[in-house]
Every structure is written in structure tokens, then in C-alpha cells.
Amino acid sequence: MVTKEKLKDYAARLMFDMDDDGYDRTLKEFEVIEKHMDLIGKIDGIENVEPMTFPYVIYHAKFREDEVKESLTNEEVLANSKENKANQVKVPKVVL
């Protein structure tokens, strides 16, 4: 069950905050979702249904099989980097 305290904890971990009205609205949305999940859980045979990626069958999408291929060596990757340090590619700081 989702509580206001859990929401505040998650928000703090994600480095954002809402006013109390925002938390109350979000809690109401979670209540609706939980009610729907309970209803779905009561459907006979639901545990036998295979999980889906899409809600409908897509015949035209063909996913390739994963194949292990030869990759670049660490030296080859570092040779293409603008700057590296301690055997790693150094990138600009992106978090403020």
C-alpha cells in the first residue's frame, strides 16, 4: 500500500518535492490503480495468462535474436575518446 510517507521518501530520493495537495492527488490516483489491480486479480484464470509487451498482437514487428559479437577492446574505445582517466572515458559533469 502506498502512503504519503512513502511518496515523500520516493520524491526525496528522486530530488523533487510537491505540496501536500500534490501528494493527496497522487495518493488518490494510486488508490484507483490498486482498485483496478484488485479487480484484475479476481478474474478467473488470470494467473494462466502470459504477460504481454503490447496489449495486442503485432505481426509486422520482427525482433532480431540477440547475438554475441566481437566488441571493441578497452584500448580501442579509449583511443576514440576525447579524454580518459583511469582506463575510463571522462565525460563532462551533467548533474548540477
PDB file of N, CA and C in Angstrom:
ATOM      1  N   MET A   1       0.837  -1.182   0.000  1.00  0.00           N
ATOM      2  CA  MET A   1       0.000   0.000   0.000  1.00  0.00           C
ATOM      3  C   MET A   1       0.879   1.242   0.000  1.00  0.00           C
ATOM      4  N   VAL A   2       0.514   2.192  -0.797  1.00  0.00           N
ATOM      5  CA  VAL A   2       1.275   3.431  -0.898  1.00  0.00           C
ATOM      6  C   VAL A   2       0.754   4.420   0.143  1.00  0.00           C
ATOM      7  N   THR A   3       1.673   5.027   0.869  1.00  0.00           N
ATOM      8  CA  THR A   3       1.302   6.033   1.870  1.00  0.00           C
ATOM      9  C   THR A   3       1.955   7.359   1.512  1.00  0.00           C
ATOM     10  N   LYS A   4       1.488   8.418   2.157  1.00  0.00           N
ATOM     11  CA  LYS A   4       2.067   9.740   1.916  1.00  0.00           C
ATOM     12  C   LYS A   4       3.545   9.754   2.318  1.00  0.00           C
ATOM     13  N   GLU A   5       3.876   9.028   3.390  1.00  0.00           N
ATOM     14  CA  GLU A   5       5.269   8.972   3.838  1.00  0.00           C
ATOM     15  C   GLU A   5       6.152   8.302   2.783  1.00  0.00           C
ATOM     16  N   LYS A   6       5.646   7.207   2.175  1.00  0.00           N
ATOM     17  CA  LYS A   6       6.404   6.546   1.114  1.00  0.00           C
ATOM     18  C   LYS A   6       6.585   7.471  -0.079  1.00  0.00           C
ATOM     19  N   LEU A   7       5.514   8.175  -0.452  1.00  0.00           N
ATOM     20  CA  LEU A   7       5.618   9.104  -1.582  1.00  0.00           C
ATOM     21  C   LEU A   7       6.659  10.184  -1.304  1.00  0.00           C
ATOM     22  N   LYS A   8       6.663  10.700  -0.095  1.00  0.00           N
ATOM     23  CA  LYS A   8       7.637  11.747   0.261  1.00  0.00           C
ATOM     24  C   LYS A   8       9.063  11.182   0.225  1.00  0.00           C
ATOM     25  N   ASP A   9       9.213   9.936   0.668  1.00  0.00           N
ATOM     26  CA  ASP A   9      10.524   9.291   0.618  1.00  0.00           C
ATOM     27  C   ASP A   9      10.981   9.107  -0.825  1.00  0.00           C
ATOM     28  N   TYR A  10      10.084   8.601  -1.690  1.00  0.00           N
ATOM     29  CA  TYR A  10      10.425   8.418  -3.102  1.00  0.00           C
ATOM     30  C   TYR A  10      10.753   9.756  -3.749  1.00  0.00           C
ATOM     31  N   ALA A  11       9.970  10.774  -3.443  1.00  0.00           N
ATOM     32  CA  ALA A  11      10.211  12.100  -4.019  1.00  0.00           C
ATOM     33  C   ALA A  11      11.583  12.630  -3.586  1.00  0.00           C
ATOM     34  N   ALA A  12      11.916  12.436  -2.325  1.00  0.00           N
ATOM     35  CA  ALA A  12      13.220  12.898  -1.835  1.00  0.00           C
ATOM     36  C   ALA A  12      14.356  12.173  -2.539  1.00  0.00           C
ATOM     37  N   ARG A  13      14.180  10.871  -2.763  1.00  0.00           N
ATOM     38  CA  ARG A  13      15.213  10.102  -3.461  1.00  0.00           C
ATOM     39  C   ARG A  13      15.366  10.550  -4.905  1.00  0.00           C
ATOM     40  N   LEU A  14      14.269  11.014  -5.510  1.00  0.00           N
ATOM     41  CA  LEU A  14      14.311  11.493  -6.889  1.00  0.00           C
ATOM     42  C   LEU A  14      14.598  12.993  -6.962  1.00  0.00           C
ATOM     43  N   MET A  15      14.852  13.580  -5.815  1.00  0.00           N
ATOM     44  CA  MET A  15      15.215  15.006  -5.689  1.00  0.00           C
ATOM     45  C   MET A  15      14.136  15.942  -6.220  1.00  0.00           C
ATOM     46  N   PHE A  16      12.883  15.692  -5.851  1.00  0.00           N
ATOM     47  CA  PHE A  16      11.823  16.649  -6.113  1.00  0.00           C
ATOM     48  C   PHE A  16      10.829  16.589  -4.970  1.00  0.00           C
ATOM     49  N   ASP A  17       9.992  17.597  -4.905  1.00  0.00           N
ATOM     50  CA  ASP A  17       9.013  17.675  -3.838  1.00  0.00           C
ATOM     51  C   ASP A  17       7.729  18.261  -4.391  1.00  0.00           C
ATOM     52  N   MET A  18       6.635  17.959  -3.726  1.00  0.00           N
ATOM     53  CA  MET A  18       5.337  18.509  -4.100  1.00  0.00           C
ATOM     54  C   MET A  18       4.729  19.127  -2.856  1.00  0.00           C
ATOM     55  N   ASP A  19       3.707  19.929  -3.061  1.00  0.00           N
ATOM     56  CA  ASP A  19       2.965  20.400  -1.895  1.00  0.00           C
ATOM     57  C   ASP A  19       2.033  19.287  -1.424  1.00  0.00           C
ATOM     58  N   ASP A  20       1.415  19.457  -0.269  1.00  0.00           N
ATOM     59  CA  ASP A  20       0.552  18.405   0.285  1.00  0.00           C
ATOM     60  C   ASP A  20      -0.598  18.063  -0.649  1.00  0.00           C
ATOM     61  N   ASP A  21      -1.108  19.049  -1.373  1.00  0.00           N
ATOM     62  CA  ASP A  21      -2.191  18.791  -2.322  1.00  0.00           C
ATOM     63  C   ASP A  21      -1.726  17.832  -3.425  1.00  0.00           C
ATOM     64  N   GLY A  22      -0.507  17.992  -3.880  1.00  0.00           N
ATOM     65  CA  GLY A  22       0.054  17.112  -4.897  1.00  0.00           C
ATOM     66  C   GLY A  22       0.183  15.683  -4.401  1.00  0.00           C
ATOM     67  N   TYR A  23       0.635  15.527  -3.146  1.00  0.00           N
ATOM     68  CA  TYR A  23       0.735  14.187  -2.566  1.00  0.00           C
ATOM     69  C   TYR A  23      -0.651  13.563  -2.412  1.00  0.00           C
ATOM     70  N   ASP A  24      -1.641  14.359  -1.992  1.00  0.00           N
ATOM     71  CA  ASP A  24      -3.003  13.838  -1.832  1.00  0.00           C
ATOM     72  C   ASP A  24      -3.578  13.385  -3.169  1.00  0.00           C
ATOM     73  N   ARG A  25      -3.364  14.170  -4.232  1.00  0.00           N
ATOM     74  CA  ARG A  25      -3.850  13.778  -5.562  1.00  0.00           C
ATOM     75  C   ARG A  25      -3.181  12.490  -6.031  1.00  0.00           C
ATOM     76  N   THR A  26      -1.882  12.394  -5.797  1.00  0.00           N
ATOM     77  CA  THR A  26      -1.143  11.201  -6.212  1.00  0.00           C
ATOM     78  C   THR A  26      -1.621   9.975  -5.440  1.00  0.00           C
ATOM     79  N   LEU A  27      -1.899  10.142  -4.140  1.00  0.00           N
ATOM     80  CA  LEU A  27      -2.421   9.027  -3.347  1.00  0.00           C
ATOM     81  C   LEU A  27      -3.772   8.555  -3.881  1.00  0.00           C
ATOM     82  N   LYS A  28      -4.637   9.483  -4.267  1.00  0.00           N
ATOM     83  CA  LYS A  28      -5.939   9.112  -4.836  1.00  0.00           C
ATOM     84  C   LYS A  28      -5.753   8.343  -6.148  1.00  0.00           C
ATOM     85  N   GLU A  29      -4.785   8.759  -6.960  1.00  0.00           N
ATOM     86  CA  GLU A  29      -4.511   8.047  -8.210  1.00  0.00           C
ATOM     87  C   GLU A  29      -4.035   6.627  -7.928  1.00  0.00           C
ATOM     88  N   PHE A  30      -3.184   6.464  -6.916  1.00  0.00           N
ATOM     89  CA  PHE A  30      -2.715   5.124  -6.557  1.00  0.00           C
ATOM     90  C   PHE A  30      -3.860   4.265  -6.037  1.00  0.00           C
ATOM     91  N   GLU A  31      -4.802   4.866  -5.304  1.00  0.00           N
ATOM     92  CA  GLU A  31      -5.963   4.111  -4.818  1.00  0.00           C
ATOM     93  C   GLU A  31      -6.763   3.559  -5.991  1.00  0.00           C
ATOM     94  N   VAL A  32      -6.958   4.362  -7.023  1.00  0.00           N
ATOM     95  CA  VAL A  32      -7.685   3.908  -8.213  1.00  0.00           C
ATOM     96  C   VAL A  32      -6.928   2.758  -8.884  1.00  0.00           C
ATOM     97  N   ILE A  33      -5.637   2.911  -9.020  1.00  0.00           N
ATOM     98  CA  ILE A  33      -4.816   1.864  -9.641  1.00  0.00           C
ATOM     99  C   ILE A  33      -4.906   0.572  -8.825  1.00  0.00           C
ATOM    100  N   GLU A  34      -4.812   0.676  -7.498  1.00  0.00           N
ATOM    101  CA  GLU A  34      -4.887  -0.514  -6.650  1.00  0.00           C
ATOM    102  C   GLU A  34      -6.247  -1.194  -6.765  1.00  0.00           C
ATOM    103  N   LYS A  35      -7.332  -0.419  -6.870  1.00  0.00           N
ATOM    104  CA  LYS A  35      -8.666  -1.000  -7.046  1.00  0.00           C
ATOM    105  C   LYS A  35      -8.746  -1.758  -8.368  1.00  0.00           C
ATOM    106  N   HIS A  36      -8.177  -1.171  -9.424  1.00  0.00           N
ATOM    107  CA  HIS A  36      -8.166  -1.852 -10.717  1.00  0.00           C
ATOM    108  C   HIS A  36      -7.347  -3.138 -10.654  1.00  0.00           C
ATOM    109  N   MET A  37      -6.216  -3.093  -9.973  1.00  0.00           N
ATOM    110  CA  MET A  37      -5.381  -4.281  -9.843  1.00  0.00           C
ATOM    111  C   MET A  37      -6.116  -5.374  -9.068  1.00  0.00           C
ATOM    112  N   ASP A  38      -6.855  -4.985  -8.026  1.00  0.00           N
ATOM    113  CA  ASP A  38      -7.641  -5.965  -7.272  1.00  0.00           C
ATOM    114  C   ASP A  38      -8.706  -6.598  -8.160  1.00  0.00           C
ATOM    115  N   LEU A  39      -9.378  -5.785  -8.975  1.00  0.00           N
ATOM    116  CA  LEU A  39     -10.400  -6.316  -9.882  1.00  0.00           C
ATOM    117  C   LEU A  39      -9.789  -7.289 -10.887  1.00  0.00           C
ATOM    118  N   ILE A  40      -8.659  -6.914 -11.442  1.00  0.00           N
ATOM    119  CA  ILE A  40      -7.990  -7.788 -12.411  1.00  0.00           C
ATOM    120  C   ILE A  40      -7.567  -9.084 -11.743  1.00  0.00           C
ATOM    121  N   GLY A  41      -7.099  -9.012 -10.501  1.00  0.00           N
ATOM    122  CA  GLY A  41      -6.668 -10.198  -9.774  1.00  0.00           C
ATOM    123  C   GLY A  41      -7.804 -11.172  -9.491  1.00  0.00           C
ATOM    124  N   LYS A  42      -9.046 -10.694  -9.513  1.00  0.00           N
ATOM    125  CA  LYS A  42     -10.204 -11.552  -9.243  1.00  0.00           C
ATOM    126  C   LYS A  42     -10.701 -12.291 -10.486  1.00  0.00           C
ATOM    127  N   ILE A  43     -10.134 -12.024 -11.634  1.00  0.00           N
ATOM    128  CA  ILE A  43     -10.548 -12.702 -12.870  1.00  0.00           C
ATOM    129  C   ILE A  43     -10.088 -14.143 -12.815  1.00  0.00           C
ATOM    130  N   ASP A  44     -11.020 -15.070 -13.046  1.00  0.00           N
ATOM    131  CA  ASP A  44     -10.685 -16.495 -13.037  1.00  0.00           C
ATOM    132  C   ASP A  44      -9.644 -16.812 -14.111  1.00  0.00           C
ATOM    133  N   GLY A  45      -8.603 -17.538 -13.730  1.00  0.00           N
ATOM    134  CA  GLY A  45      -7.586 -17.980 -14.673  1.00  0.00           C
ATOM    135  C   GLY A  45      -6.562 -16.921 -15.039  1.00  0.00           C
ATOM    136  N   ILE A  46      -6.586 -15.773 -14.383  1.00  0.00           N
ATOM    137  CA  ILE A  46      -5.654 -14.686 -14.741  1.00  0.00           C
ATOM    138  C   ILE A  46      -4.197 -15.113 -14.557  1.00  0.00           C
ATOM    139  N   GLU A  47      -3.955 -16.024 -13.618  1.00  0.00           N
ATOM    140  CA  GLU A  47      -2.576 -16.467 -13.378  1.00  0.00           C
ATOM    141  C   GLU A  47      -2.048 -17.320 -14.526  1.00  0.00           C
ATOM    142  N   ASN A  48      -2.930 -17.784 -15.411  1.00  0.00           N
ATOM    143  CA  ASN A  48      -2.511 -18.600 -16.553  1.00  0.00           C
ATOM    144  C   ASN A  48      -2.270 -17.780 -17.817  1.00  0.00           C
ATOM    145  N   VAL A  49      -2.519 -16.487 -17.757  1.00  0.00           N
ATOM    146  CA  VAL A  49      -2.356 -15.629 -18.926  1.00  0.00           C
ATOM    147  C   VAL A  49      -0.895 -15.212 -19.037  1.00  0.00           C
ATOM    148  N   GLU A  50      -0.336 -15.354 -20.230  1.00  0.00           N
ATOM    149  CA  GLU A  50       1.058 -14.981 -20.464  1.00  0.00           C
ATOM    150  C   GLU A  50       1.193 -13.457 -20.498  1.00  0.00           C
ATOM    151  N   PRO A  51       2.169 -12.897 -19.780  1.00  0.00           N
ATOM    152  CA  PRO A  51       2.360 -11.447 -19.808  1.00  0.00           C
ATOM    153  C   PRO A  51       2.636 -10.953 -21.224  1.00  0.00           C
ATOM    154  N   MET A  52       2.195  -9.719 -21.507  1.00  0.00           N
ATOM    155  CA  MET A  52       2.355  -9.148 -22.851  1.00  0.00           C
ATOM    156  C   MET A  52       3.215  -7.891 -22.790  1.00  0.00           C
ATOM    157  N   THR A  53       3.925  -7.638 -23.879  1.00  0.00           N
ATOM    158  CA  THR A  53       4.642  -6.390 -24.026  1.00  0.00           C
ATOM    159  C   THR A  53       3.706  -5.324 -24.572  1.00  0.00           C
ATOM    160  N   PHE A  54       2.829  -5.732 -25.480  1.00  0.00           N
ATOM    161  CA  PHE A  54       1.855  -4.847 -26.094  1.00  0.00           C
ATOM    162  C   PHE A  54       0.458  -5.400 -25.812  1.00  0.00           C
ATOM    163  N   PRO A  55      -0.565  -4.554 -25.758  1.00  0.00           N
ATOM    164  CA  PRO A  55      -1.915  -5.045 -25.472  1.00  0.00           C
ATOM    165  C   PRO A  55      -2.564  -5.760 -26.653  1.00  0.00           C
ATOM    166  N   TYR A  56      -1.881  -5.849 -27.774  1.00  0.00           N
ATOM    167  CA  TYR A  56      -2.409  -6.526 -28.954  1.00  0.00           C
ATOM    168  C   TYR A  56      -1.246  -7.148 -29.719  1.00  0.00           C
ATOM    169  N   VAL A  57      -1.543  -8.096 -30.575  1.00  0.00           N
ATOM    170  CA  VAL A  57      -0.501  -8.781 -31.333  1.00  0.00           C
ATOM    171  C   VAL A  57      -0.031  -7.886 -32.477  1.00  0.00           C
ATOM    172  N   ILE A  58       1.275  -7.771 -32.625  1.00  0.00           N
ATOM    173  CA  ILE A  58       1.853  -7.002 -33.723  1.00  0.00           C
ATOM    174  C   ILE A  58       2.557  -7.991 -34.646  1.00  0.00           C
ATOM    175  N   TYR A  59       1.995  -8.160 -35.823  1.00  0.00           N
ATOM    176  CA  TYR A  59       2.545  -9.137 -36.761  1.00  0.00           C
ATOM    177  C   TYR A  59       3.682  -8.573 -37.611  1.00  0.00           C
ATOM    178  N   HIS A  60       3.675  -7.262 -37.817  1.00  0.00           N
ATOM    179  CA  HIS A  60       4.673  -6.680 -38.711  1.00  0.00           C
ATOM    180  C   HIS A  60       6.002  -6.371 -38.017  1.00  0.00           C
ATOM    181  N   ALA A  61       6.054  -6.433 -36.689  1.00  0.00           N
ATOM    182  CA  ALA A  61       7.296  -6.149 -35.970  1.00  0.00           C
ATOM    183  C   ALA A  61       8.067  -7.443 -35.779  1.00  0.00           C
ATOM    184  N   LYS A  62       9.240  -7.493 -36.312  1.00  0.00           N
ATOM    185  CA  LYS A  62      10.093  -8.674 -36.172  1.00  0.00           C
ATOM    186  C   LYS A  62      11.314  -8.281 -35.352  1.00  0.00           C
ATOM    187  N   PHE A  63      11.431  -8.878 -34.196  1.00  0.00           N
ATOM    188  CA  PHE A  63      12.561  -8.583 -33.339  1.00  0.00           C
ATOM    189  C   PHE A  63      13.700  -9.541 -33.652  1.00  0.00           C
ATOM    190  N   ARG A  64      14.883  -9.009 -33.741  1.00  0.00           N
ATOM    191  CA  ARG A  64      16.022  -9.852 -34.057  1.00  0.00           C
ATOM    192  C   ARG A  64      16.448 -10.622 -32.813  1.00  0.00           C
ATOM    193  N   GLU A  65      17.081 -11.735 -33.037  1.00  0.00           N
ATOM    194  CA  GLU A  65      17.648 -12.512 -31.943  1.00  0.00           C
ATOM    195  C   GLU A  65      18.919 -11.814 -31.463  1.00  0.00           C
ATOM    196  N   ASP A  66      19.157 -11.846 -30.181  1.00  0.00           N
ATOM    197  CA  ASP A  66      20.402 -11.295 -29.656  1.00  0.00           C
ATOM    198  C   ASP A  66      21.545 -12.225 -30.039  1.00  0.00           C
ATOM    199  N   GLU A  67      22.589 -11.641 -30.571  1.00  0.00           N
ATOM    200  CA  GLU A  67      23.755 -12.414 -30.955  1.00  0.00           C
ATOM    201  C   GLU A  67      24.994 -11.800 -30.317  1.00  0.00           C
ATOM    202  N   VAL A  68      25.837 -12.648 -29.783  1.00  0.00           N
ATOM    203  CA  VAL A  68      27.088 -12.181 -29.215  1.00  0.00           C
ATOM    204  C   VAL A  68      28.045 -11.923 -30.360  1.00  0.00           C
ATOM    205  N   LYS A  69      28.569 -10.711 -30.421  1.00  0.00           N
ATOM    206  CA  LYS A  69      29.521 -10.350 -31.461  1.00  0.00           C
ATOM    207  C   LYS A  69      30.791  -9.828 -30.804  1.00  0.00           C
ATOM    208  N   GLU A  70      31.834  -9.822 -31.579  1.00  0.00           N
ATOM    209  CA  GLU A  70      33.099  -9.295 -31.086  1.00  0.00           C
ATOM    210  C   GLU A  70      32.945  -7.798 -30.844  1.00  0.00           C
ATOM    211  N   SER A  71      33.430  -7.338 -29.705  1.00  0.00           N
ATOM    212  CA  SER A  71      33.307  -5.915 -29.391  1.00  0.00           C
ATOM    213  C   SER A  71      34.685  -5.264 -29.362  1.00  0.00           C
ATOM    214  N   LEU A  72      34.689  -3.971 -29.211  1.00  0.00           N
ATOM    215  CA  LEU A  72      35.946  -3.227 -29.166  1.00  0.00           C
ATOM    216  C   LEU A  72      36.711  -3.535 -27.893  1.00  0.00           C
ATOM    217  N   THR A  73      37.995  -3.484 -27.982  1.00  0.00           N
ATOM    218  CA  THR A  73      38.818  -3.642 -26.781  1.00  0.00           C
ATOM    219  C   THR A  73      38.801  -2.322 -26.016  1.00  0.00           C
ATOM    220  N   ASN A  74      39.213  -2.380 -24.771  1.00  0.00           N
ATOM    221  CA  ASN A  74      39.269  -1.180 -23.947  1.00  0.00           C
ATOM    222  C   ASN A  74      40.197  -0.139 -24.587  1.00  0.00           C
ATOM    223  N   GLU A  75      41.293  -0.596 -25.146  1.00  0.00           N
ATOM    224  CA  GLU A  75      42.248   0.323 -25.772  1.00  0.00           C
ATOM    225  C   GLU A  75      41.625   1.003 -26.996  1.00  0.00           C
ATOM    226  N   GLU A  76      40.853   0.260 -27.790  1.00  0.00           N
ATOM    227  CA  GLU A  76      40.209   0.839 -28.974  1.00  0.00           C
ATOM    228  C   GLU A  76      39.173   1.889 -28.582  1.00  0.00           C
ATOM    229  N   VAL A  77      38.439   1.621 -27.533  1.00  0.00           N
ATOM    230  CA  VAL A  77      37.446   2.594 -27.069  1.00  0.00           C
ATOM    231  C   VAL A  77      38.136   3.853 -26.570  1.00  0.00           C
ATOM    232  N   LEU A  78      39.160   3.683 -25.762  1.00  0.00           N
ATOM    233  CA  LEU A  78      39.868   4.840 -25.215  1.00  0.00           C
ATOM    234  C   LEU A  78      40.582   5.627 -26.306  1.00  0.00           C
ATOM    235  N   ALA A  79      41.006   4.968 -27.369  1.00  0.00           N
ATOM    236  CA  ALA A  79      41.668   5.659 -28.470  1.00  0.00           C
ATOM    237  C   ALA A  79      40.701   6.621 -29.169  1.00  0.00           C
ATOM    238  N   ASN A  80      39.405   6.329 -29.127  1.00  0.00           N
ATOM    239  CA  ASN A  80      38.412   7.184 -29.765  1.00  0.00           C
ATOM    240  C   ASN A  80      37.849   8.248 -28.832  1.00  0.00           C
ATOM    241  N   SER A  81      38.248   8.223 -27.564  1.00  0.00           N
ATOM    242  CA  SER A  81      37.689   9.192 -26.613  1.00  0.00           C
ATOM    243  C   SER A  81      38.511  10.467 -26.621  1.00  0.00           C
ATOM    244  N   LYS A  82      37.829  11.567 -26.372  1.00  0.00           N
ATOM    245  CA  LYS A  82      38.487  12.862 -26.325  1.00  0.00           C
ATOM    246  C   LYS A  82      39.399  12.957 -25.103  1.00  0.00           C
ATOM    247  N   GLU A  83      38.890  12.437 -23.969  1.00  0.00           N
ATOM    248  CA  GLU A  83      39.664  12.486 -22.730  1.00  0.00           C
ATOM    249  C   GLU A  83      39.364  11.227 -21.930  1.00  0.00           C
ATOM    250  N   ASN A  84      40.391  10.645 -21.321  1.00  0.00           N
ATOM    251  CA  ASN A  84      40.167   9.470 -20.484  1.00  0.00           C
ATOM    252  C   ASN A  84      41.048   9.543 -19.254  1.00  0.00           C
ATOM    253  N   LYS A  85      40.596   8.818 -18.237  1.00  0.00           N
ATOM    254  CA  LYS A  85      41.308   8.830 -16.961  1.00  0.00           C
ATOM    255  C   LYS A  85      41.046   7.491 -16.282  1.00  0.00           C
ATOM    256  N   ALA A  86      42.070   6.881 -15.756  1.00  0.00           N
ATOM    257  CA  ALA A  86      41.969   5.611 -15.025  1.00  0.00           C
ATOM    258  C   ALA A  86      41.276   4.544 -15.863  1.00  0.00           C
ATOM    259  N   ASN A  87      41.652   4.472 -17.145  1.00  0.00           N
ATOM    260  CA  ASN A  87      41.101   3.467 -18.061  1.00  0.00           C
ATOM    261  C   ASN A  87      39.605   3.611 -18.309  1.00  0.00           C
ATOM    262  N   GLN A  88      39.075   4.824 -18.134  1.00  0.00           N
ATOM    263  CA  GLN A  88      37.665   5.108 -18.381  1.00  0.00           C
ATOM    264  C   GLN A  88      37.544   6.383 -19.199  1.00  0.00           C
ATOM    265  N   VAL A  89      36.456   6.470 -19.982  1.00  0.00           N
ATOM    266  CA  VAL A  89      36.197   7.677 -20.751  1.00  0.00           C
ATOM    267  C   VAL A  89      35.725   8.755 -19.795  1.00  0.00           C
ATOM    268  N   LYS A  90      36.360   9.912 -19.833  1.00  0.00           N
ATOM    269  CA  LYS A  90      35.964  11.026 -18.974  1.00  0.00           C
ATOM    270  C   LYS A  90      34.991  11.906 -19.741  1.00  0.00           C
ATOM    271  N   VAL A  91      33.844  12.181 -19.120  1.00  0.00           N
ATOM    272  CA  VAL A  91      32.809  12.992 -19.751  1.00  0.00           C
ATOM    273  C   VAL A  91      32.531  14.205 -18.868  1.00  0.00           C
ATOM    274  N   PRO A  92      31.934  15.266 -19.451  1.00  0.00           N
ATOM    275  CA  PRO A  92      31.602  16.440 -18.632  1.00  0.00           C
ATOM    276  C   PRO A  92      30.537  16.116 -17.593  1.00  0.00           C
ATOM    277  N   LYS A  93      30.576  16.823 -16.497  1.00  0.00           N
ATOM    278  CA  LYS A  93      29.576  16.664 -15.466  1.00  0.00           C
ATOM    279  C   LYS A  93      28.220  17.094 -16.001  1.00  0.00           C
ATOM    280  N   VAL A  94      27.191  16.280 -15.784  1.00  0.00           N
ATOM    281  CA  VAL A  94      25.864  16.590 -16.330  1.00  0.00           C
ATOM    282  C   VAL A  94      24.833  16.826 -15.230  1.00  0.00           C
ATOM    283  N   VAL A  95      25.195  16.612 -13.967  1.00  0.00           N
ATOM    284  CA  VAL A  95      24.281  16.832 -12.858  1.00  0.00           C
ATOM    285  C   VAL A  95      24.698  18.108 -12.145  1.00  0.00           C
ATOM    286  N   LEU A  96      23.716  18.937 -11.849  1.00  0.00           N
ATOM    287  CA  LEU A  96      24.035  20.194 -11.163  1.00  0.00           C
ATOM    288  C   LEU A  96      24.100  20.011  -9.676  1.00  0.00           C
TER     289      LEU A  96
END
